[in-house]
Protein backbone atom coordinates (compact mmCIF):
# COMPACT_ATOMS: atom_id res chain seq x y z
CA MET A 1 15.05 -126.73 217.69
CA ARG A 2 13.08 -123.51 216.77
CA THR A 3 11.98 -121.24 219.48
CA SER A 4 8.33 -119.94 219.66
CA LYS A 5 9.78 -116.62 218.10
CA THR A 6 10.79 -118.10 214.92
CA LYS A 7 8.01 -120.52 214.40
CA SER A 8 6.16 -119.97 210.93
CA LEU A 9 2.50 -119.39 210.78
CA ASN A 10 1.93 -123.03 209.52
CA GLU A 11 4.05 -124.29 212.54
CA TRP A 12 1.90 -122.30 214.90
CA LEU A 13 -1.39 -123.49 213.36
CA SER A 14 -0.28 -127.10 213.45
CA GLN A 15 0.49 -126.72 217.13
CA ILE A 16 -2.70 -124.96 218.12
CA GLU A 17 -4.87 -127.71 216.29
CA LYS A 18 -3.27 -130.34 218.53
CA LEU A 19 -3.87 -128.29 221.98
CA HIS A 20 -7.44 -129.10 222.48
CA PRO A 21 -9.42 -132.48 222.20
CA SER A 22 -12.15 -130.80 220.14
CA GLU A 23 -11.93 -128.29 217.29
CA ILE A 24 -15.07 -126.67 218.54
CA GLU A 25 -16.06 -126.51 222.22
CA LEU A 26 -18.59 -123.72 223.20
CA GLY A 27 -18.31 -121.83 226.34
CA LEU A 28 -16.65 -118.54 227.55
CA ALA A 29 -14.80 -119.85 230.63
CA ARG A 30 -11.38 -120.75 229.06
CA ILE A 31 -11.17 -117.94 226.59
CA SER A 32 -12.40 -115.22 229.07
CA LYS A 33 -9.74 -116.26 231.69
CA VAL A 34 -6.92 -115.68 229.02
CA GLY A 35 -8.78 -112.62 227.66
CA ASN A 36 -9.05 -110.99 231.01
CA ASP A 37 -5.40 -111.39 231.65
CA LEU A 38 -4.66 -109.63 228.22
CA ASP A 39 -7.36 -107.02 228.63
CA LEU A 40 -9.17 -108.18 225.61
CA ILE A 41 -12.60 -107.72 227.07
CA ASN A 42 -13.25 -103.81 226.77
CA PHE A 43 -12.01 -102.04 223.58
CA ASP A 44 -11.52 -98.20 223.07
CA ALA A 45 -13.05 -98.92 219.64
CA LYS A 46 -16.87 -99.12 219.02
CA VAL A 47 -17.24 -102.90 218.81
CA ILE A 48 -20.09 -104.37 216.57
CA THR A 49 -20.82 -108.06 217.11
CA VAL A 50 -22.56 -109.78 214.16
CA ALA A 51 -24.37 -113.19 214.49
CA GLY A 52 -26.77 -115.06 212.25
CA THR A 53 -27.18 -118.22 210.28
CA ASN A 54 -26.43 -116.51 206.96
CA GLY A 55 -25.43 -112.95 206.03
CA LYS A 56 -22.81 -112.33 208.57
CA GLY A 57 -19.83 -111.97 206.30
CA THR A 58 -21.79 -109.92 203.88
CA THR A 59 -23.26 -107.67 206.43
CA CYS A 60 -19.68 -107.11 207.88
CA ALA A 61 -18.46 -106.22 204.26
CA PHE A 62 -21.21 -103.63 203.69
CA LEU A 63 -20.50 -102.06 207.09
CA GLU A 64 -16.78 -102.26 206.55
CA GLU A 65 -17.01 -100.51 203.14
CA ILE A 66 -19.31 -97.68 204.50
CA LEU A 67 -17.39 -96.83 207.55
CA ILE A 68 -14.00 -96.85 205.56
CA GLN A 69 -15.38 -94.58 202.82
CA ALA A 70 -16.75 -92.37 205.83
CA GLY A 71 -13.00 -91.93 206.96
CA TYR A 72 -13.00 -94.43 209.99
CA LYS A 73 -10.29 -96.87 210.74
CA VAL A 74 -12.01 -100.28 210.63
CA GLY A 75 -10.97 -103.76 211.84
CA VAL A 76 -12.81 -106.97 210.91
CA TYR A 77 -12.37 -110.35 212.47
CA SER A 78 -14.18 -113.02 210.39
CA SER A 79 -14.24 -116.92 209.90
CA PRO A 80 -13.58 -119.25 208.36
CA HIS A 81 -10.94 -118.28 205.85
CA ILE A 82 -11.25 -119.49 202.32
CA GLN A 83 -7.58 -119.63 200.95
CA ARG A 84 -5.37 -117.90 203.58
CA TYR A 85 -5.41 -117.93 207.32
CA THR A 86 -4.56 -114.10 207.30
CA GLU A 87 -7.91 -113.47 205.65
CA ARG A 88 -9.37 -113.83 209.26
CA LEU A 89 -8.41 -110.32 210.10
CA ARG A 90 -8.37 -107.16 208.22
CA ILE A 91 -7.54 -103.73 208.96
CA ASN A 92 -9.00 -101.12 206.48
CA GLN A 93 -9.38 -104.03 203.96
CA GLN A 94 -5.85 -105.07 204.33
CA GLU A 95 -4.64 -108.48 205.84
CA LEU A 96 -1.71 -108.40 208.31
CA PRO A 97 1.48 -110.25 207.58
CA GLU A 98 1.96 -113.70 208.88
CA ASN A 99 4.62 -112.37 211.24
CA ASP A 100 2.06 -110.37 213.07
CA HIS A 101 -0.07 -113.49 213.63
CA CYS A 102 2.99 -115.33 214.87
CA ARG A 103 3.95 -112.60 217.40
CA ALA A 104 0.32 -112.65 218.57
CA PHE A 105 0.23 -116.39 219.00
CA ALA A 106 3.46 -116.07 221.10
CA VAL A 107 1.82 -113.78 223.40
CA ILE A 108 -1.19 -115.92 223.73
CA GLU A 109 0.90 -118.94 224.32
CA LYS A 110 2.86 -117.33 226.99
CA THR A 111 -0.39 -115.89 228.73
CA ARG A 112 -2.51 -119.05 228.68
CA LYS A 113 -0.20 -121.17 230.84
CA ASP A 114 -2.15 -124.38 231.62
CA THR A 115 -5.42 -123.29 230.25
CA SER A 116 -6.54 -125.49 227.16
CA LEU A 117 -7.84 -123.59 224.31
CA SER A 118 -9.67 -124.75 221.18
CA TYR A 119 -8.52 -123.90 217.80
CA PHE A 120 -11.09 -121.10 217.29
CA GLU A 121 -10.63 -119.82 220.80
CA TYR A 122 -6.87 -119.44 220.23
CA VAL A 123 -7.08 -117.85 216.91
CA THR A 124 -9.77 -115.48 218.19
CA LEU A 125 -7.67 -114.36 220.97
CA GLY A 126 -4.79 -113.90 218.58
CA CYS A 127 -6.81 -111.59 216.28
CA LEU A 128 -8.29 -109.65 219.19
CA TYR A 129 -4.74 -109.00 220.42
CA LEU A 130 -3.84 -107.56 217.07
CA LEU A 131 -7.06 -105.53 216.75
CA GLN A 132 -6.30 -103.99 220.23
CA GLN A 133 -2.82 -102.90 218.96
CA ALA A 134 -4.42 -101.47 215.80
CA GLN A 135 -6.29 -98.64 217.55
CA CYS A 136 -9.44 -98.87 215.33
CA ASP A 137 -12.31 -96.54 215.41
CA PHE A 138 -14.70 -99.43 214.75
CA ILE A 139 -14.16 -103.26 215.28
CA LEU A 140 -16.48 -105.78 213.47
CA LEU A 141 -16.61 -109.21 215.09
CA GLU A 142 -18.37 -112.07 213.06
CA VAL A 143 -19.48 -114.72 215.32
CA GLY A 144 -18.21 -118.13 214.59
CA LEU A 145 -20.95 -120.39 215.81
CA GLY A 146 -24.24 -119.40 217.51
CA GLY A 147 -23.55 -116.52 219.64
CA ARG A 148 -24.16 -116.95 223.36
CA LEU A 149 -21.13 -119.28 223.94
CA ASP A 150 -19.16 -118.29 220.90
CA ALA A 151 -15.63 -117.26 221.69
CA THR A 152 -16.22 -113.66 220.21
CA ASN A 153 -19.05 -113.06 222.91
CA MET A 154 -16.41 -112.65 225.42
CA VAL A 155 -15.87 -109.19 224.12
CA GLU A 156 -18.18 -106.19 225.40
CA SER A 157 -19.79 -104.93 222.31
CA ASP A 158 -21.50 -101.50 221.61
CA ILE A 159 -24.10 -102.86 219.37
CA SER A 160 -25.17 -106.41 218.52
CA VAL A 161 -26.61 -107.57 215.22
CA ILE A 162 -28.42 -110.68 214.13
CA THR A 163 -28.55 -111.10 210.30
CA THR A 164 -30.89 -114.18 209.73
CA ILE A 165 -32.22 -117.29 211.59
CA GLY A 166 -32.16 -120.66 209.82
CA ILE A 167 -31.65 -124.27 210.65
CA ASP A 168 -27.85 -124.97 210.68
CA HIS A 169 -25.34 -126.54 213.18
CA VAL A 170 -28.10 -128.52 214.81
CA ASP A 171 -25.76 -130.61 216.99
CA TRP A 172 -24.59 -127.42 218.60
CA LEU A 173 -27.51 -124.92 218.49
CA GLY A 174 -30.75 -127.10 218.39
CA ASP A 175 -33.02 -128.28 215.77
CA ASP A 176 -35.64 -125.58 215.54
CA ARG A 177 -35.55 -121.77 215.05
CA GLU A 178 -36.64 -120.91 218.56
CA LYS A 179 -33.65 -122.82 220.03
CA ILE A 180 -31.24 -121.33 217.41
CA ALA A 181 -32.58 -117.82 217.75
CA TYR A 182 -32.15 -118.00 221.69
CA GLU A 183 -28.41 -118.98 221.26
CA LYS A 184 -27.96 -116.29 218.80
CA ALA A 185 -29.79 -113.69 220.80
CA GLY A 186 -26.94 -114.26 223.44
CA VAL A 187 -24.84 -111.52 221.73
CA PHE A 188 -27.35 -108.92 222.91
CA ARG A 189 -26.16 -106.52 225.78
CA ALA A 190 -28.50 -104.95 228.51
CA GLY A 191 -29.70 -101.58 227.43
CA LYS A 192 -27.48 -101.33 224.44
CA PRO A 193 -28.66 -101.04 220.68
CA ALA A 194 -29.22 -104.11 218.71
CA VAL A 195 -30.37 -104.75 215.00
CA CYS A 196 -32.33 -107.73 213.82
CA GLY A 197 -32.19 -108.29 209.90
CA GLU A 198 -34.57 -111.53 210.22
CA PHE A 199 -38.05 -110.81 208.86
CA GLU A 200 -39.57 -113.21 211.03
CA PRO A 201 -37.73 -113.46 214.36
CA PRO A 202 -38.62 -116.16 216.64
CA GLN A 203 -40.22 -115.23 219.97
CA SER A 204 -37.36 -116.49 221.82
CA LEU A 205 -35.15 -113.79 220.30
CA LYS A 206 -37.84 -111.18 221.07
CA ASP A 207 -38.18 -112.24 224.77
CA TYR A 208 -34.34 -112.16 225.16
CA ALA A 209 -34.19 -108.71 223.86
CA ALA A 210 -37.15 -107.63 226.20
CA LYS A 211 -35.60 -109.13 229.11
CA LEU A 212 -32.23 -107.22 228.75
CA SER A 213 -34.32 -103.92 227.71
CA THR A 214 -32.23 -104.01 224.52
CA ASP A 215 -32.81 -101.06 222.35
CA ILE A 216 -33.52 -103.26 219.25
CA ARG A 217 -34.47 -102.42 215.71
CA TYR A 218 -36.51 -104.99 213.69
CA ALA A 219 -36.51 -105.47 209.73
CA GLY A 220 -40.00 -104.99 208.45
CA LYS A 221 -40.91 -102.86 211.41
CA ASP A 222 -38.32 -100.32 212.22
CA PHE A 223 -36.45 -100.41 208.77
CA THR A 224 -37.22 -101.97 205.39
CA PHE A 225 -36.10 -101.74 201.81
CA THR A 226 -37.85 -102.05 198.42
CA ALA A 227 -36.32 -103.01 195.12
CA ALA A 228 -37.07 -101.86 191.50
CA ALA A 229 -35.58 -103.18 188.34
CA ASP A 230 -32.47 -101.02 188.34
CA ASN A 231 -32.35 -99.65 191.92
CA TRP A 232 -33.42 -100.01 195.51
CA GLN A 233 -34.22 -97.75 198.41
CA TRP A 234 -33.90 -98.13 202.21
CA SER A 235 -36.11 -96.58 204.81
CA GLY A 236 -35.52 -96.20 208.60
CA SER A 237 -35.89 -92.82 210.29
CA LYS A 238 -35.03 -91.47 206.83
CA THR A 239 -35.12 -92.86 203.38
CA ILE A 240 -32.25 -93.43 201.03
CA CYS A 241 -33.16 -93.70 197.34
CA GLY A 242 -31.39 -94.57 194.21
CA LEU A 243 -29.05 -97.30 195.54
CA THR A 244 -27.32 -99.72 193.05
CA PRO A 245 -28.32 -103.33 193.10
CA THR A 246 -25.61 -105.62 194.37
CA LEU A 247 -24.99 -109.30 193.85
CA MET A 248 -24.78 -109.69 197.66
CA PRO A 249 -28.05 -109.81 199.42
CA MET A 250 -29.90 -106.52 199.72
CA GLN A 251 -31.30 -107.79 203.03
CA ASN A 252 -27.95 -107.73 204.55
CA ALA A 253 -27.32 -104.25 202.97
CA SER A 254 -30.36 -102.92 204.68
CA THR A 255 -29.31 -104.52 207.94
CA ALA A 256 -26.10 -102.80 207.70
CA LEU A 257 -27.73 -99.39 207.06
CA ALA A 258 -29.92 -100.07 210.30
CA VAL A 259 -26.56 -100.55 212.17
CA ILE A 260 -25.32 -97.16 210.81
CA GLU A 261 -28.51 -95.40 211.88
CA ALA A 262 -28.49 -97.14 215.29
CA LEU A 263 -24.75 -95.84 215.75
CA GLU A 264 -26.10 -92.25 215.02
CA LEU A 265 -23.36 -91.58 212.45
CA ASN A 266 -23.92 -88.70 210.27
CA ILE A 267 -22.61 -90.19 206.99
CA ASP A 268 -23.28 -88.53 203.72
CA THR A 269 -25.88 -90.20 201.55
CA GLN A 270 -23.55 -90.17 198.54
CA VAL A 271 -20.89 -91.99 200.47
CA ILE A 272 -23.49 -94.69 201.42
CA ARG A 273 -24.54 -95.11 197.89
CA SER A 274 -20.96 -95.61 196.69
CA ALA A 275 -20.03 -97.96 199.43
CA LEU A 276 -22.91 -100.31 198.99
CA ALA A 277 -22.26 -100.30 195.24
CA GLN A 278 -18.57 -101.33 195.96
CA ALA A 279 -18.82 -103.77 198.82
CA LYS A 280 -17.72 -107.21 197.97
CA LEU A 281 -16.77 -110.50 199.74
CA ALA A 282 -14.59 -113.57 198.49
CA GLY A 283 -16.78 -116.43 197.97
CA ARG A 284 -20.15 -114.81 197.81
CA LEU A 285 -21.24 -115.19 194.06
CA GLN A 286 -17.82 -114.22 193.26
CA LYS A 287 -16.94 -114.13 189.56
CA VAL A 288 -13.82 -115.95 188.78
CA GLU A 289 -11.75 -115.28 185.63
CA MET A 290 -10.83 -118.24 183.71
CA SER A 291 -9.06 -118.86 180.33
CA HIS A 292 -12.32 -119.60 178.61
CA ASN A 293 -15.34 -117.41 177.74
CA THR A 294 -17.87 -119.00 179.92
CA ASP A 295 -18.85 -117.10 183.05
CA VAL A 296 -17.73 -119.00 186.20
CA TYR A 297 -19.01 -118.08 189.75
CA VAL A 298 -18.26 -119.53 193.25
CA ASP A 299 -20.47 -119.45 196.30
CA VAL A 300 -20.38 -120.81 199.86
CA ALA A 301 -24.20 -121.56 199.92
CA HIS A 302 -24.18 -124.57 202.12
CA ASN A 303 -27.82 -124.65 203.81
CA PRO A 304 -31.31 -124.25 202.48
CA GLN A 305 -31.63 -120.58 203.25
CA SER A 306 -28.33 -119.45 201.64
CA ALA A 307 -29.12 -121.89 198.73
CA GLN A 308 -32.55 -120.18 198.22
CA TYR A 309 -30.76 -116.83 197.67
CA LEU A 310 -28.36 -118.43 195.30
CA ALA A 311 -31.14 -119.78 193.35
CA GLY A 312 -32.80 -116.37 193.01
CA ARG A 313 -29.55 -114.83 191.78
CA LEU A 314 -28.98 -117.62 189.38
CA GLU A 315 -32.27 -117.05 187.84
CA VAL A 316 -31.42 -113.39 187.30
CA LEU A 317 -28.07 -114.12 185.80
CA LYS A 318 -29.83 -116.78 183.43
CA GLU A 319 -32.28 -114.27 182.24
CA GLN A 320 -29.45 -111.73 181.70
CA LYS A 321 -27.67 -114.32 179.64
CA GLY A 322 -30.53 -115.15 177.27
CA PRO A 323 -32.84 -118.08 176.50
CA ASP A 324 -29.99 -120.32 175.41
CA CYS A 325 -28.19 -120.14 178.89
CA LYS A 326 -27.50 -123.37 180.64
CA ILE A 327 -26.22 -123.57 184.21
CA PHE A 328 -23.71 -126.19 185.00
CA ALA A 329 -22.99 -126.84 188.73
CA ILE A 330 -20.36 -128.36 190.91
CA ALA A 331 -21.40 -129.21 194.40
CA GLY A 332 -19.23 -130.22 197.22
CA MET A 333 -20.53 -130.18 200.94
CA LEU A 334 -19.94 -131.23 204.44
CA GLU A 335 -21.82 -134.33 205.70
CA ASP A 336 -23.46 -132.59 208.64
CA LYS A 337 -25.37 -130.05 206.58
CA ASP A 338 -28.91 -130.23 205.36
CA ILE A 339 -27.84 -131.45 202.03
CA THR A 340 -31.36 -132.53 200.70
CA GLY A 341 -32.84 -129.11 201.87
CA THR A 342 -29.93 -127.30 200.07
CA PHE A 343 -30.65 -129.22 196.71
CA ASN A 344 -34.35 -128.59 197.10
CA GLN A 345 -33.79 -124.90 196.87
CA VAL A 346 -31.25 -124.71 194.12
CA ASN A 347 -32.06 -127.58 191.80
CA GLN A 348 -34.79 -125.86 189.68
CA GLN A 349 -32.11 -123.34 188.40
CA LEU A 350 -29.74 -126.02 187.18
CA ASP A 351 -29.31 -127.83 184.04
CA HIS A 352 -26.49 -130.30 184.98
CA CYS A 353 -25.02 -130.96 188.35
CA CYS A 354 -21.68 -132.53 189.16
CA LEU A 355 -21.38 -134.10 192.74
CA ILE A 356 -17.79 -134.20 194.13
CA SER A 357 -16.16 -135.73 197.21
CA LEU A 358 -14.53 -133.52 199.69
CA ASP A 359 -11.35 -134.84 201.31
CA CYS A 360 -11.51 -132.91 204.59
CA TYR A 361 -12.85 -133.21 208.12
CA ARG A 362 -16.67 -133.95 207.87
CA GLY A 363 -16.33 -133.81 204.02
CA ALA A 364 -19.36 -135.83 202.33
CA ASP A 365 -18.51 -138.41 199.88
CA LYS A 366 -19.89 -138.10 196.36
CA GLU A 367 -22.14 -141.04 197.03
CA VAL A 368 -23.62 -139.51 199.91
CA LEU A 369 -24.32 -136.27 198.08
CA LEU A 370 -25.94 -138.52 195.39
CA LYS A 371 -28.33 -140.11 197.96
CA HIS A 372 -29.45 -136.63 199.23
CA TYR A 373 -29.73 -135.45 195.69
CA GLN A 374 -32.03 -138.42 194.95
CA ALA A 375 -34.26 -137.44 197.86
CA SER A 376 -34.64 -134.03 196.91
CA SER A 377 -37.10 -132.17 194.50
CA HIS A 378 -36.74 -130.80 191.11
CA LYS A 379 -34.14 -133.43 190.32
CA LEU A 380 -32.46 -133.45 186.99
CA ASP A 381 -31.56 -136.36 184.58
CA SER A 382 -28.11 -134.97 184.06
CA VAL A 383 -26.19 -135.73 187.45
CA THR A 384 -22.94 -137.08 187.60
CA CYS A 385 -20.31 -137.92 190.33
CA PHE A 386 -16.73 -137.27 190.39
CA ALA A 387 -14.00 -138.02 192.81
CA ASP A 388 -12.59 -134.61 192.91
CA LEU A 389 -13.33 -130.96 191.72
CA GLN A 390 -10.73 -130.89 188.92
CA SER A 391 -12.29 -133.92 187.08
CA ALA A 392 -15.71 -132.42 187.40
CA TYR A 393 -14.52 -129.06 185.95
CA GLN A 394 -12.85 -130.71 183.07
CA SER A 395 -15.88 -132.64 182.27
CA ILE A 396 -18.07 -129.47 182.23
CA ILE A 397 -15.55 -127.43 180.11
CA ASN A 398 -16.05 -129.96 177.21
CA LYS A 399 -19.89 -129.14 177.40
CA VAL A 400 -20.29 -125.48 177.83
CA ASN A 401 -20.24 -122.41 175.48
CA SER A 402 -20.18 -118.65 176.07
CA SER A 403 -23.78 -118.37 176.54
CA ASP A 404 -23.72 -120.75 179.64
CA ILE A 405 -22.88 -120.35 183.39
CA ILE A 406 -20.79 -122.39 185.71
CA ILE A 407 -21.39 -122.24 189.46
CA ILE A 408 -19.35 -123.99 191.95
CA PHE A 409 -21.09 -124.06 195.37
CA GLY A 410 -21.37 -125.60 198.66
CA SER A 411 -18.63 -125.76 201.56
CA PHE A 412 -16.02 -123.24 202.10
CA TYR A 413 -13.44 -126.03 201.42
CA THR A 414 -15.13 -126.46 197.77
CA VAL A 415 -14.87 -122.63 196.94
CA SER A 416 -11.25 -122.63 198.46
CA ASP A 417 -10.29 -125.63 196.33
CA PHE A 418 -11.65 -124.01 193.15
CA LEU A 419 -9.97 -120.71 193.74
CA THR A 420 -6.74 -122.33 194.27
CA PHE A 421 -7.15 -124.47 191.16
CA SER A 422 -8.17 -121.43 189.12
CA GLN A 423 -4.91 -119.60 190.20
CA GLY A 424 -2.78 -122.64 189.30
């Protein structure tokens, strides 16, 4: 029988999945107990905690690129991963080897004793342990769910960020923006800096910040951005002009720049221009090279807010391709998302849509997607259902030409499946 020291990463993950009755259980009592024992509450590095309905990953990606190009050592913890578990942790944009994660899990297992940890709590502790050893200058923590009771909120941060506030995870966070904003504002720290990238922050967020005397900067009030045809500019206490447009949301780039300003870092403007232009993140309007000459993109837009942004980018891409461009979509989503609302946002930019079943926990069947699609606005006549992604893709390939665009969107599982398929 193998000892814990020789378990593979897959064996560890399989074990961790079975430890706790729920994949998600919000609350800080369990993880804080183990975190305290391992001294994972306070870090020597500057810790930036990033919460929000959408834009957490891209905001972290912008910050990561800026800080690295400025010469700092940067660790990022994010979730979920798309293809590999090791994507969840990167040091200066490099994933750590599986053996390092196994070593961290062995430490967590020995330390937790009889404390039951959820999957997310366990992997959060493992990544925090590795971040502690990495001796970074900055650590970016992407909140998994909500904020106030999320496992990452165990860590004492130096600056807190909220990107956007939308309706998502209603079973956990509530069904209106006031309730959701309250949960996300739980990442704020008394008297410490915070940045809010949401243009219309709910009152509950403002009240939470005021109660803690948080030194908060608000989008549209303390910082803003304006876009032209081929460039954009950001304004806070100073203005940065001539920024290159990016496929990732400028709203999140703007939020990242507000964080840099709040940290009082004297980073050269040219470094910022270069970093924003080069920042990227897997699964966010990511172009995938295929064996044919039709442009293929993947995007993890899975709620109305992210779908609205995707629709805007598809409109731009369509204009760039010319009047003959048609957009063919493949959509796969989880059943607990606002599927109708997501289609409401993106339908108008599509010319054909394939709905697929997801064979995973909470995955929506194609017939469920079709029912939501039929309840949405801007419906197309050309909608078909497929049992899986591969059959949907093969169907599309027979219809497209070089002037068209294929977009695969929805759940992280959908994007993961396609990226795996594209590499086969």
